[in-house]
């Protein structure tokens, strides 16, 4: 980074909220979102200052980031998948009058003292048919009314 850009970025932390909002208007050419916190203004402004000085992301990278953001793994509000469930979590499911309890471990899942690599294996054991494990245990929204795959 050249000295001018480095200096501009280092000055951001010393600026008042009002100064940051004025700078936002200058660099983004629009008013900052209402209620945006100072802690959010600073990194956004720092990025925009660098982008203006050195150029932004190329279109291919932007497209890739959009694809990632739309995928369940890249979306923090998407239904939970295995990678988002912390070891030690207990998952319960009522099925035909019986409660089924699964524990999430570092290496997968434990159901009735047996280790499994996937929730789908456990769902298959419980139901006798091919289910999506995350769907069976209520960890993702069904895309249709079908509850399981045909065997």
N, C-alpha and C. Protein backbone atom coordinates (compact mmCIF):
# COMPACT_ATOMS: atom_id res chain seq x y z
N UNK A 1 0.85 -1.18 0.00
CA UNK A 1 0.00 0.00 0.00
C UNK A 1 0.89 1.24 0.00
N UNK A 2 0.50 2.23 -0.77
CA UNK A 2 1.30 3.45 -0.75
C UNK A 2 0.99 4.25 0.51
N UNK A 3 1.85 5.23 0.78
CA UNK A 3 1.75 6.02 2.01
C UNK A 3 0.44 6.77 2.14
N UNK A 4 -0.07 7.31 1.03
CA UNK A 4 -1.30 8.10 1.07
C UNK A 4 -2.49 7.23 1.51
N UNK A 5 -2.62 6.06 0.93
CA UNK A 5 -3.72 5.16 1.27
C UNK A 5 -3.57 4.69 2.72
N UNK A 6 -2.36 4.31 3.11
CA UNK A 6 -2.10 3.86 4.49
C UNK A 6 -2.48 4.95 5.48
N UNK A 7 -2.11 6.17 5.17
CA UNK A 7 -2.41 7.30 6.05
C UNK A 7 -3.92 7.52 6.16
N UNK A 8 -4.62 7.49 5.02
CA UNK A 8 -6.08 7.66 5.02
C UNK A 8 -6.75 6.61 5.90
N UNK A 9 -6.33 5.38 5.75
CA UNK A 9 -6.95 4.29 6.51
C UNK A 9 -6.65 4.42 8.00
N UNK A 10 -5.42 4.76 8.34
CA UNK A 10 -5.07 4.87 9.77
C UNK A 10 -5.82 6.02 10.44
N UNK A 11 -6.19 7.04 9.68
CA UNK A 11 -6.93 8.18 10.24
C UNK A 11 -8.39 7.85 10.54
N UNK A 12 -8.92 6.80 9.96
CA UNK A 12 -10.34 6.46 10.14
C UNK A 12 -10.70 6.29 11.62
N UNK A 13 -9.85 5.62 12.38
CA UNK A 13 -10.15 5.36 13.80
C UNK A 13 -10.18 6.64 14.64
N UNK A 14 -9.54 7.67 14.16
CA UNK A 14 -9.50 8.95 14.89
C UNK A 14 -10.68 9.85 14.53
N UNK A 15 -11.40 9.49 13.50
CA UNK A 15 -12.50 10.34 13.02
C UNK A 15 -13.77 10.13 13.85
N UNK A 16 -14.54 11.21 13.97
CA UNK A 16 -15.83 11.12 14.66
C UNK A 16 -16.82 10.38 13.75
N UNK A 17 -17.92 9.96 14.34
CA UNK A 17 -18.96 9.29 13.56
C UNK A 17 -19.46 10.20 12.44
N UNK A 18 -19.63 11.47 12.76
CA UNK A 18 -20.09 12.44 11.77
C UNK A 18 -19.10 12.57 10.61
N UNK A 19 -17.81 12.59 10.92
CA UNK A 19 -16.79 12.66 9.88
C UNK A 19 -16.81 11.39 9.02
N UNK A 20 -16.99 10.25 9.67
CA UNK A 20 -17.04 8.99 8.94
C UNK A 20 -18.24 8.96 7.99
N UNK A 21 -19.38 9.47 8.46
CA UNK A 21 -20.58 9.51 7.61
C UNK A 21 -20.37 10.45 6.41
N UNK A 22 -19.69 11.56 6.64
CA UNK A 22 -19.38 12.48 5.53
C UNK A 22 -18.45 11.81 4.52
N UNK A 23 -17.44 11.10 5.03
CA UNK A 23 -16.51 10.40 4.14
C UNK A 23 -17.24 9.31 3.37
N UNK A 24 -18.15 8.61 4.04
CA UNK A 24 -18.95 7.58 3.38
C UNK A 24 -19.67 8.18 2.16
N UNK A 25 -20.31 9.30 2.39
CA UNK A 25 -21.04 9.96 1.31
C UNK A 25 -20.10 10.32 0.16
N UNK A 26 -18.90 10.74 0.49
CA UNK A 26 -17.92 11.13 -0.52
C UNK A 26 -17.42 9.91 -1.33
N UNK A 27 -17.07 8.82 -0.64
CA UNK A 27 -16.47 7.69 -1.35
C UNK A 27 -17.50 6.75 -1.99
N UNK A 28 -18.66 6.62 -1.39
CA UNK A 28 -19.69 5.74 -1.96
C UNK A 28 -20.70 6.49 -2.83
N UNK A 29 -20.66 7.82 -2.74
CA UNK A 29 -21.58 8.68 -3.48
C UNK A 29 -23.04 8.42 -3.13
N UNK A 30 -23.26 8.09 -1.88
CA UNK A 30 -24.62 7.94 -1.35
C UNK A 30 -24.55 7.99 0.17
N UNK A 31 -25.70 8.19 0.78
CA UNK A 31 -25.79 8.28 2.23
C UNK A 31 -25.58 6.89 2.83
N UNK A 32 -24.91 6.83 3.96
CA UNK A 32 -24.68 5.55 4.65
C UNK A 32 -26.02 4.99 5.12
N UNK A 33 -26.12 3.67 5.24
CA UNK A 33 -27.36 3.07 5.75
C UNK A 33 -27.71 3.64 7.14
N UNK A 34 -28.98 3.86 7.36
CA UNK A 34 -29.44 4.41 8.64
C UNK A 34 -29.03 3.51 9.79
N UNK A 35 -28.50 4.11 10.83
CA UNK A 35 -28.17 3.38 12.05
C UNK A 35 -26.90 2.54 11.99
N UNK A 36 -26.13 2.64 10.92
CA UNK A 36 -24.92 1.85 10.81
C UNK A 36 -23.93 2.26 11.91
N UNK A 37 -23.38 1.27 12.58
CA UNK A 37 -22.47 1.53 13.69
C UNK A 37 -21.09 1.96 13.20
N UNK A 38 -20.41 2.71 14.02
CA UNK A 38 -19.06 3.19 13.73
C UNK A 38 -18.12 2.02 13.45
N UNK A 39 -18.29 0.93 14.21
CA UNK A 39 -17.43 -0.25 14.05
C UNK A 39 -17.60 -0.90 12.68
N UNK A 40 -18.71 -0.64 12.04
CA UNK A 40 -18.97 -1.17 10.70
C UNK A 40 -18.51 -0.16 9.64
N UNK A 41 -18.68 1.11 9.92
CA UNK A 41 -18.27 2.15 8.97
C UNK A 41 -16.79 2.05 8.63
N UNK A 42 -15.96 1.87 9.64
CA UNK A 42 -14.50 1.92 9.44
C UNK A 42 -14.00 0.85 8.47
N UNK A 43 -14.30 -0.44 8.65
CA UNK A 43 -13.77 -1.41 7.68
C UNK A 43 -14.35 -1.25 6.27
N UNK A 44 -15.61 -0.83 6.17
CA UNK A 44 -16.19 -0.61 4.84
C UNK A 44 -15.48 0.55 4.15
N UNK A 45 -15.23 1.61 4.90
CA UNK A 45 -14.53 2.76 4.32
C UNK A 45 -13.09 2.39 3.95
N UNK A 46 -12.42 1.63 4.81
CA UNK A 46 -11.04 1.21 4.52
C UNK A 46 -11.00 0.41 3.22
N UNK A 47 -11.94 -0.51 3.06
CA UNK A 47 -11.98 -1.31 1.83
C UNK A 47 -12.21 -0.41 0.62
N UNK A 48 -13.18 0.49 0.73
CA UNK A 48 -13.52 1.35 -0.41
C UNK A 48 -12.36 2.26 -0.79
N UNK A 49 -11.63 2.76 0.19
CA UNK A 49 -10.45 3.60 -0.08
C UNK A 49 -9.42 2.79 -0.87
N UNK A 50 -9.18 1.56 -0.44
CA UNK A 50 -8.23 0.69 -1.16
C UNK A 50 -8.74 0.36 -2.56
N UNK A 51 -10.03 0.07 -2.66
CA UNK A 51 -10.62 -0.26 -3.96
C UNK A 51 -10.48 0.91 -4.92
N UNK A 52 -10.73 2.11 -4.44
CA UNK A 52 -10.60 3.29 -5.29
C UNK A 52 -9.15 3.50 -5.73
N UNK A 53 -8.22 3.18 -4.86
CA UNK A 53 -6.80 3.39 -5.17
C UNK A 53 -6.23 2.29 -6.06
N UNK A 54 -6.62 1.06 -5.84
CA UNK A 54 -5.97 -0.07 -6.51
C UNK A 54 -6.89 -0.87 -7.43
N UNK A 55 -8.16 -0.55 -7.43
CA UNK A 55 -9.11 -1.31 -8.25
C UNK A 55 -9.83 -2.35 -7.39
N UNK A 56 -11.00 -2.75 -7.86
CA UNK A 56 -11.82 -3.70 -7.10
C UNK A 56 -11.62 -5.12 -7.58
N UNK A 57 -12.49 -5.97 -7.14
CA UNK A 57 -12.46 -7.38 -7.54
C UNK A 57 -12.83 -7.51 -9.01
N UNK A 58 -12.21 -8.46 -9.69
CA UNK A 58 -12.57 -8.66 -11.09
C UNK A 58 -13.92 -9.37 -11.16
N UNK A 59 -14.61 -9.27 -12.29
CA UNK A 59 -15.96 -9.84 -12.41
C UNK A 59 -16.04 -11.33 -12.10
N UNK A 60 -15.02 -12.10 -12.45
CA UNK A 60 -15.06 -13.54 -12.18
C UNK A 60 -15.05 -13.81 -10.67
N UNK A 61 -14.26 -13.06 -9.93
CA UNK A 61 -14.21 -13.23 -8.48
C UNK A 61 -15.53 -12.80 -7.85
N UNK A 62 -16.09 -11.70 -8.33
CA UNK A 62 -17.40 -11.24 -7.83
C UNK A 62 -18.46 -12.32 -8.05
N UNK A 63 -18.48 -12.91 -9.23
CA UNK A 63 -19.45 -13.95 -9.55
C UNK A 63 -19.26 -15.16 -8.63
N UNK A 64 -18.01 -15.54 -8.41
CA UNK A 64 -17.74 -16.68 -7.52
C UNK A 64 -18.21 -16.38 -6.10
N UNK A 65 -17.97 -15.18 -5.60
CA UNK A 65 -18.42 -14.81 -4.25
C UNK A 65 -19.94 -14.82 -4.15
N UNK A 66 -20.62 -14.39 -5.21
CA UNK A 66 -22.09 -14.44 -5.21
C UNK A 66 -22.59 -15.88 -5.13
N UNK A 67 -21.93 -16.79 -5.89
CA UNK A 67 -22.31 -18.22 -5.84
C UNK A 67 -22.10 -18.78 -4.44
N UNK A 68 -20.98 -18.44 -3.82
CA UNK A 68 -20.70 -18.92 -2.46
C UNK A 68 -21.74 -18.40 -1.49
N UNK A 69 -22.07 -17.12 -1.61
CA UNK A 69 -23.04 -16.51 -0.70
C UNK A 69 -24.42 -17.15 -0.83
N UNK A 70 -24.76 -17.63 -2.03
CA UNK A 70 -26.07 -18.25 -2.25
C UNK A 70 -26.10 -19.71 -1.84
N UNK A 71 -24.93 -20.33 -1.66
CA UNK A 71 -24.90 -21.75 -1.30
C UNK A 71 -25.18 -21.90 0.19
N UNK A 72 -25.76 -23.02 0.60
CA UNK A 72 -26.05 -23.22 2.02
C UNK A 72 -24.80 -23.14 2.90
N UNK A 73 -23.66 -23.62 2.41
CA UNK A 73 -22.45 -23.60 3.22
C UNK A 73 -21.95 -22.18 3.45
N UNK A 74 -22.20 -21.29 2.50
CA UNK A 74 -21.73 -19.92 2.62
C UNK A 74 -22.74 -18.99 3.24
N UNK A 75 -23.92 -19.47 3.56
CA UNK A 75 -25.00 -18.64 4.06
C UNK A 75 -25.28 -18.95 5.52
N UNK A 76 -24.95 -18.01 6.43
CA UNK A 76 -25.15 -18.28 7.85
C UNK A 76 -26.60 -18.43 8.26
N UNK A 77 -27.55 -17.99 7.45
CA UNK A 77 -28.96 -18.13 7.79
C UNK A 77 -29.58 -19.36 7.15
N UNK A 78 -28.78 -20.10 6.38
CA UNK A 78 -29.29 -21.33 5.76
C UNK A 78 -29.49 -22.39 6.84
N UNK A 79 -30.32 -23.38 6.56
CA UNK A 79 -30.51 -24.45 7.53
C UNK A 79 -29.19 -25.11 7.91
N UNK A 80 -29.15 -25.63 9.12
CA UNK A 80 -27.92 -26.22 9.62
C UNK A 80 -27.52 -27.48 8.89
N UNK A 81 -26.27 -27.59 8.55
CA UNK A 81 -25.69 -28.80 8.00
C UNK A 81 -24.69 -29.33 9.01
N UNK A 82 -24.07 -30.46 8.75
CA UNK A 82 -23.13 -31.07 9.68
C UNK A 82 -22.02 -30.11 10.09
N UNK A 83 -21.50 -29.33 9.15
CA UNK A 83 -20.38 -28.46 9.45
C UNK A 83 -20.73 -27.37 10.46
N UNK A 84 -22.01 -27.09 10.64
CA UNK A 84 -22.41 -26.02 11.56
C UNK A 84 -22.86 -26.54 12.91
N UNK A 85 -22.97 -27.85 13.09
CA UNK A 85 -23.42 -28.40 14.36
C UNK A 85 -22.20 -28.71 15.20
N UNK A 86 -22.14 -28.16 16.39
CA UNK A 86 -20.97 -28.33 17.24
C UNK A 86 -20.99 -29.69 17.94
N UNK A 87 -19.80 -30.29 18.07
CA UNK A 87 -19.71 -31.54 18.84
C UNK A 87 -20.29 -31.32 20.24
N UNK A 88 -21.00 -32.33 20.72
CA UNK A 88 -21.65 -32.22 22.02
C UNK A 88 -23.13 -31.90 21.91
N UNK A 89 -23.57 -31.48 20.73
CA UNK A 89 -24.98 -31.17 20.50
C UNK A 89 -25.79 -32.47 20.52
N UNK A 90 -26.96 -32.40 21.14
CA UNK A 90 -27.87 -33.55 21.18
C UNK A 90 -29.05 -33.24 20.26
N UNK A 91 -29.35 -34.17 19.36
CA UNK A 91 -30.45 -34.02 18.42
C UNK A 91 -31.52 -35.05 18.78
N UNK A 92 -32.76 -34.57 18.93
CA UNK A 92 -33.87 -35.46 19.28
C UNK A 92 -34.89 -35.48 18.15
N UNK A 93 -35.48 -36.67 17.93
CA UNK A 93 -36.54 -36.81 16.92
C UNK A 93 -37.55 -37.83 17.39
N UNK A 94 -38.80 -37.44 17.40
CA UNK A 94 -39.89 -38.37 17.70
C UNK A 94 -40.26 -39.07 16.41
N UNK A 95 -40.33 -40.40 16.45
CA UNK A 95 -40.71 -41.16 15.26
C UNK A 95 -41.52 -42.35 15.69
N UNK A 96 -42.78 -42.38 15.26
CA UNK A 96 -43.70 -43.47 15.57
C UNK A 96 -43.74 -43.80 17.06
N UNK A 97 -43.88 -42.73 17.84
CA UNK A 97 -44.04 -42.90 19.28
C UNK A 97 -42.75 -43.13 20.06
N UNK A 98 -41.63 -43.10 19.42
CA UNK A 98 -40.36 -43.35 20.09
C UNK A 98 -39.43 -42.15 19.90
N UNK A 99 -38.71 -41.80 20.95
CA UNK A 99 -37.75 -40.71 20.87
C UNK A 99 -36.39 -41.26 20.46
N UNK A 100 -35.80 -40.65 19.44
CA UNK A 100 -34.48 -41.06 18.95
C UNK A 100 -33.50 -39.93 19.27
N UNK A 101 -32.42 -40.28 19.95
CA UNK A 101 -31.45 -39.31 20.43
C UNK A 101 -30.11 -39.54 19.74
N UNK A 102 -29.57 -38.49 19.14
CA UNK A 102 -28.28 -38.55 18.44
C UNK A 102 -27.36 -37.53 19.07
N UNK A 103 -26.10 -37.91 19.26
CA UNK A 103 -25.10 -36.99 19.77
C UNK A 103 -24.11 -36.67 18.66
N UNK A 104 -23.79 -35.38 18.51
CA UNK A 104 -22.81 -34.95 17.52
C UNK A 104 -21.43 -35.09 18.15
N UNK A 105 -20.52 -35.75 17.44
CA UNK A 105 -19.15 -35.95 17.92
C UNK A 105 -18.19 -35.24 16.96
N UNK A 106 -16.92 -35.24 17.32
CA UNK A 106 -15.91 -34.64 16.43
C UNK A 106 -15.84 -35.35 15.08
N UNK A 107 -16.10 -36.65 15.09
CA UNK A 107 -15.95 -37.43 13.85
C UNK A 107 -17.28 -37.79 13.19
N UNK A 108 -18.40 -37.37 13.73
CA UNK A 108 -19.69 -37.71 13.14
C UNK A 108 -20.80 -37.67 14.16
N UNK A 109 -21.44 -38.84 14.37
CA UNK A 109 -22.62 -38.92 15.23
C UNK A 109 -22.60 -40.23 16.00
N UNK A 110 -23.27 -40.22 17.15
CA UNK A 110 -23.46 -41.45 17.91
C UNK A 110 -24.95 -41.62 18.14
N UNK A 111 -25.44 -42.83 17.82
CA UNK A 111 -26.84 -43.17 18.03
C UNK A 111 -26.89 -44.54 18.69
N UNK A 112 -27.47 -44.57 19.90
CA UNK A 112 -27.59 -45.82 20.66
C UNK A 112 -26.25 -46.55 20.78
N UNK A 113 -25.20 -45.76 21.06
CA UNK A 113 -23.88 -46.33 21.32
C UNK A 113 -23.07 -46.70 20.09
N UNK A 114 -23.62 -46.48 18.91
CA UNK A 114 -22.91 -46.83 17.66
C UNK A 114 -22.54 -45.53 16.94
N UNK A 115 -21.32 -45.47 16.41
CA UNK A 115 -20.86 -44.29 15.66
C UNK A 115 -21.29 -44.36 14.21
N UNK A 116 -21.67 -43.22 13.67
CA UNK A 116 -22.08 -43.08 12.27
C UNK A 116 -21.39 -41.86 11.68
N UNK A 117 -21.13 -41.93 10.38
CA UNK A 117 -20.52 -40.78 9.70
C UNK A 117 -21.54 -39.77 9.24
N UNK A 118 -22.80 -40.18 9.07
CA UNK A 118 -23.81 -39.24 8.57
C UNK A 118 -25.15 -39.43 9.28
N UNK A 119 -25.91 -38.36 9.32
CA UNK A 119 -27.27 -38.43 9.86
C UNK A 119 -28.17 -39.28 8.97
N UNK A 120 -27.87 -39.33 7.69
CA UNK A 120 -28.69 -40.12 6.77
C UNK A 120 -28.60 -41.61 7.10
N UNK A 121 -27.43 -42.07 7.53
CA UNK A 121 -27.29 -43.47 7.94
C UNK A 121 -28.19 -43.76 9.14
N UNK A 122 -28.24 -42.82 10.06
CA UNK A 122 -29.08 -43.01 11.25
C UNK A 122 -30.55 -42.96 10.88
N UNK A 123 -30.93 -42.00 10.04
CA UNK A 123 -32.33 -41.90 9.61
C UNK A 123 -32.77 -43.17 8.91
N UNK A 124 -31.88 -43.76 8.10
CA UNK A 124 -32.19 -45.00 7.40
C UNK A 124 -32.39 -46.13 8.40
N UNK A 125 -31.55 -46.17 9.44
CA UNK A 125 -31.68 -47.22 10.46
C UNK A 125 -33.01 -47.08 11.22
N UNK A 126 -33.38 -45.85 11.53
CA UNK A 126 -34.61 -45.60 12.29
C UNK A 126 -35.84 -45.94 11.46
N UNK A 127 -35.87 -45.52 10.19
CA UNK A 127 -37.08 -45.63 9.38
C UNK A 127 -37.12 -46.85 8.47
N UNK A 128 -35.96 -47.42 8.16
CA UNK A 128 -35.90 -48.53 7.23
C UNK A 128 -35.98 -48.10 5.78
N UNK A 129 -35.99 -46.79 5.53
CA UNK A 129 -36.01 -46.26 4.16
C UNK A 129 -34.95 -45.18 4.02
N UNK A 130 -34.70 -44.77 2.77
CA UNK A 130 -33.68 -43.74 2.51
C UNK A 130 -34.25 -42.35 2.75
N UNK A 131 -33.75 -41.71 3.79
CA UNK A 131 -34.12 -40.34 4.12
C UNK A 131 -32.90 -39.46 4.01
N UNK A 132 -33.13 -38.17 3.82
CA UNK A 132 -32.08 -37.18 4.05
C UNK A 132 -32.00 -37.04 5.56
N UNK A 133 -30.84 -37.32 6.12
CA UNK A 133 -30.68 -37.23 7.58
C UNK A 133 -30.98 -35.85 8.12
N UNK A 134 -30.40 -34.78 7.53
CA UNK A 134 -30.71 -33.44 8.03
C UNK A 134 -32.21 -33.12 7.94
N UNK A 135 -32.88 -33.59 6.90
CA UNK A 135 -34.32 -33.34 6.78
C UNK A 135 -35.09 -34.15 7.83
N UNK A 136 -34.73 -35.41 8.01
CA UNK A 136 -35.41 -36.26 8.99
C UNK A 136 -35.30 -35.68 10.40
N UNK A 137 -34.13 -35.17 10.74
CA UNK A 137 -33.93 -34.62 12.08
C UNK A 137 -34.29 -33.15 12.19
N UNK A 138 -34.90 -32.58 11.13
CA UNK A 138 -35.40 -31.21 11.20
C UNK A 138 -34.33 -30.14 11.09
N UNK A 139 -33.20 -30.47 10.48
CA UNK A 139 -32.11 -29.50 10.39
C UNK A 139 -32.09 -28.75 9.07
N UNK A 140 -32.97 -29.12 8.13
CA UNK A 140 -33.07 -28.37 6.89
C UNK A 140 -34.51 -28.43 6.41
N UNK A 141 -34.89 -27.45 5.61
CA UNK A 141 -36.23 -27.38 5.06
C UNK A 141 -36.33 -28.31 3.86
N UNK A 142 -37.41 -29.02 3.78
CA UNK A 142 -37.63 -29.89 2.63
C UNK A 142 -37.88 -29.04 1.40
N UNK A 143 -37.35 -29.44 0.26
CA UNK A 143 -37.57 -28.70 -0.98
C UNK A 143 -38.91 -29.06 -1.60
N UNK A 144 -39.49 -30.16 -1.17
CA UNK A 144 -40.80 -30.56 -1.68
C UNK A 144 -41.50 -31.31 -0.56
N UNK A 145 -42.66 -31.85 -0.85
CA UNK A 145 -43.38 -32.60 0.15
C UNK A 145 -42.85 -34.01 0.31
N UNK A 146 -41.94 -34.45 -0.55
CA UNK A 146 -41.34 -35.79 -0.42
C UNK A 146 -40.48 -35.82 0.83
N UNK A 147 -40.67 -36.78 1.69
CA UNK A 147 -39.93 -36.87 2.92
C UNK A 147 -38.72 -37.79 2.80
N UNK A 148 -38.72 -38.65 1.81
CA UNK A 148 -37.56 -39.54 1.66
C UNK A 148 -37.45 -39.99 0.21
N UNK A 149 -36.27 -40.49 -0.09
CA UNK A 149 -36.01 -41.01 -1.44
C UNK A 149 -36.64 -42.38 -1.58
N UNK A 150 -36.93 -42.75 -2.78
CA UNK A 150 -37.41 -44.11 -3.04
C UNK A 150 -36.27 -45.08 -2.81
N UNK A 151 -36.57 -46.21 -2.26
CA UNK A 151 -35.52 -47.19 -1.98
C UNK A 151 -35.08 -47.89 -3.23
